[in-house]
């Protein structure tokens, strides 16, 4: 693993820990659009 990849992983982990709600909403939006909005059925 390169140092740049490690930096990206650390950055993503900080986002996950500091903004869990934003990450959850992002995953929810991606999940709905990716699955044709099956959650709304």
N, C-alpha and C. Protein backbone atom coordinates (compact mmCIF):
# COMPACT_ATOMS: atom_id res chain seq x y z
N UNK A 1 0.85 -1.21 0.00
CA UNK A 1 0.00 0.00 0.00
C UNK A 1 0.88 1.25 0.00
N UNK A 2 0.56 2.18 -0.88
CA UNK A 2 1.36 3.40 -0.95
C UNK A 2 0.93 4.38 0.12
N UNK A 3 1.75 5.39 0.33
CA UNK A 3 1.43 6.39 1.36
C UNK A 3 0.18 7.17 0.98
N UNK A 4 -0.02 7.40 -0.33
CA UNK A 4 -1.20 8.15 -0.76
C UNK A 4 -2.47 7.35 -0.48
N UNK A 5 -2.41 6.04 -0.69
CA UNK A 5 -3.58 5.20 -0.40
C UNK A 5 -3.88 5.21 1.10
N UNK A 6 -2.82 5.20 1.91
CA UNK A 6 -3.01 5.24 3.36
C UNK A 6 -3.67 6.55 3.77
N UNK A 7 -3.26 7.64 3.13
CA UNK A 7 -3.85 8.95 3.44
C UNK A 7 -5.33 8.96 3.08
N UNK A 8 -5.67 8.36 1.94
CA UNK A 8 -7.07 8.32 1.52
C UNK A 8 -7.90 7.51 2.51
N UNK A 9 -7.35 6.36 2.94
CA UNK A 9 -8.06 5.53 3.91
C UNK A 9 -8.27 6.27 5.22
N UNK A 10 -7.24 6.97 5.68
CA UNK A 10 -7.36 7.73 6.93
C UNK A 10 -8.41 8.82 6.78
N UNK A 11 -8.43 9.48 5.61
CA UNK A 11 -9.40 10.55 5.36
C UNK A 11 -10.82 9.99 5.37
N UNK A 12 -11.00 8.84 4.72
CA UNK A 12 -12.33 8.22 4.68
C UNK A 12 -12.78 7.81 6.08
N UNK A 13 -11.85 7.28 6.88
CA UNK A 13 -12.20 6.87 8.23
C UNK A 13 -12.61 8.08 9.07
N UNK A 14 -11.91 9.20 8.89
CA UNK A 14 -12.26 10.42 9.63
C UNK A 14 -13.65 10.88 9.24
N UNK A 15 -13.98 10.79 7.95
CA UNK A 15 -15.31 11.18 7.51
C UNK A 15 -16.36 10.27 8.13
N UNK A 16 -16.07 8.97 8.15
CA UNK A 16 -17.03 8.02 8.71
C UNK A 16 -17.27 8.29 10.19
N UNK A 17 -16.22 8.64 10.90
CA UNK A 17 -16.34 8.85 12.35
C UNK A 17 -16.94 10.22 12.67
N UNK A 18 -16.66 11.22 11.82
CA UNK A 18 -17.10 12.57 12.14
C UNK A 18 -18.46 12.90 11.53
N UNK A 19 -18.81 12.21 10.44
CA UNK A 19 -20.08 12.51 9.79
C UNK A 19 -20.85 11.24 9.46
N UNK A 20 -21.20 10.45 10.48
CA UNK A 20 -21.91 9.19 10.22
C UNK A 20 -23.26 9.41 9.57
N UNK A 21 -23.93 10.50 9.92
CA UNK A 21 -25.25 10.76 9.34
C UNK A 21 -25.13 11.08 7.86
N UNK A 22 -24.14 11.91 7.50
CA UNK A 22 -23.94 12.26 6.09
C UNK A 22 -23.60 11.03 5.28
N UNK A 23 -22.75 10.17 5.85
CA UNK A 23 -22.37 8.94 5.16
C UNK A 23 -23.58 8.03 4.99
N UNK A 24 -24.39 7.94 6.02
CA UNK A 24 -25.59 7.10 5.96
C UNK A 24 -26.55 7.59 4.89
N UNK A 25 -26.78 8.91 4.86
CA UNK A 25 -27.67 9.47 3.85
C UNK A 25 -27.12 9.23 2.46
N UNK A 26 -25.80 9.38 2.30
CA UNK A 26 -25.18 9.15 0.99
C UNK A 26 -25.37 7.71 0.55
N UNK A 27 -25.15 6.77 1.47
CA UNK A 27 -25.34 5.35 1.14
C UNK A 27 -26.80 5.07 0.82
N UNK A 28 -27.70 5.72 1.54
CA UNK A 28 -29.12 5.51 1.31
C UNK A 28 -29.52 5.98 -0.08
N UNK A 29 -29.03 7.17 -0.46
CA UNK A 29 -29.34 7.72 -1.79
C UNK A 29 -28.77 6.81 -2.88
N UNK A 30 -27.53 6.38 -2.69
CA UNK A 30 -26.90 5.50 -3.68
C UNK A 30 -27.65 4.17 -3.76
N UNK A 31 -28.06 3.66 -2.61
CA UNK A 31 -28.78 2.39 -2.59
C UNK A 31 -30.12 2.48 -3.30
N UNK A 32 -30.85 3.57 -3.07
CA UNK A 32 -32.16 3.74 -3.70
C UNK A 32 -32.00 3.88 -5.21
N UNK A 33 -31.07 4.72 -5.64
CA UNK A 33 -30.89 4.94 -7.08
C UNK A 33 -30.31 3.70 -7.75
N UNK A 34 -29.44 2.98 -7.03
CA UNK A 34 -28.80 1.81 -7.60
C UNK A 34 -29.74 0.62 -7.71
N UNK A 35 -30.79 0.59 -6.86
CA UNK A 35 -31.70 -0.55 -6.86
C UNK A 35 -33.07 -0.18 -7.43
N UNK A 36 -33.15 0.92 -8.14
CA UNK A 36 -34.40 1.30 -8.76
C UNK A 36 -35.45 1.74 -7.77
N UNK A 37 -35.04 2.22 -6.60
CA UNK A 37 -35.98 2.72 -5.61
C UNK A 37 -36.83 1.63 -4.99
N UNK A 38 -36.26 0.44 -4.82
CA UNK A 38 -37.04 -0.67 -4.26
C UNK A 38 -37.49 -0.39 -2.83
N UNK A 39 -36.77 0.53 -2.13
CA UNK A 39 -37.11 0.84 -0.74
C UNK A 39 -38.49 1.47 -0.66
N UNK A 40 -38.89 2.18 -1.73
CA UNK A 40 -40.17 2.89 -1.71
C UNK A 40 -41.35 1.98 -1.98
N UNK A 41 -41.10 0.75 -2.40
CA UNK A 41 -42.20 -0.15 -2.71
C UNK A 41 -42.92 -0.63 -1.46
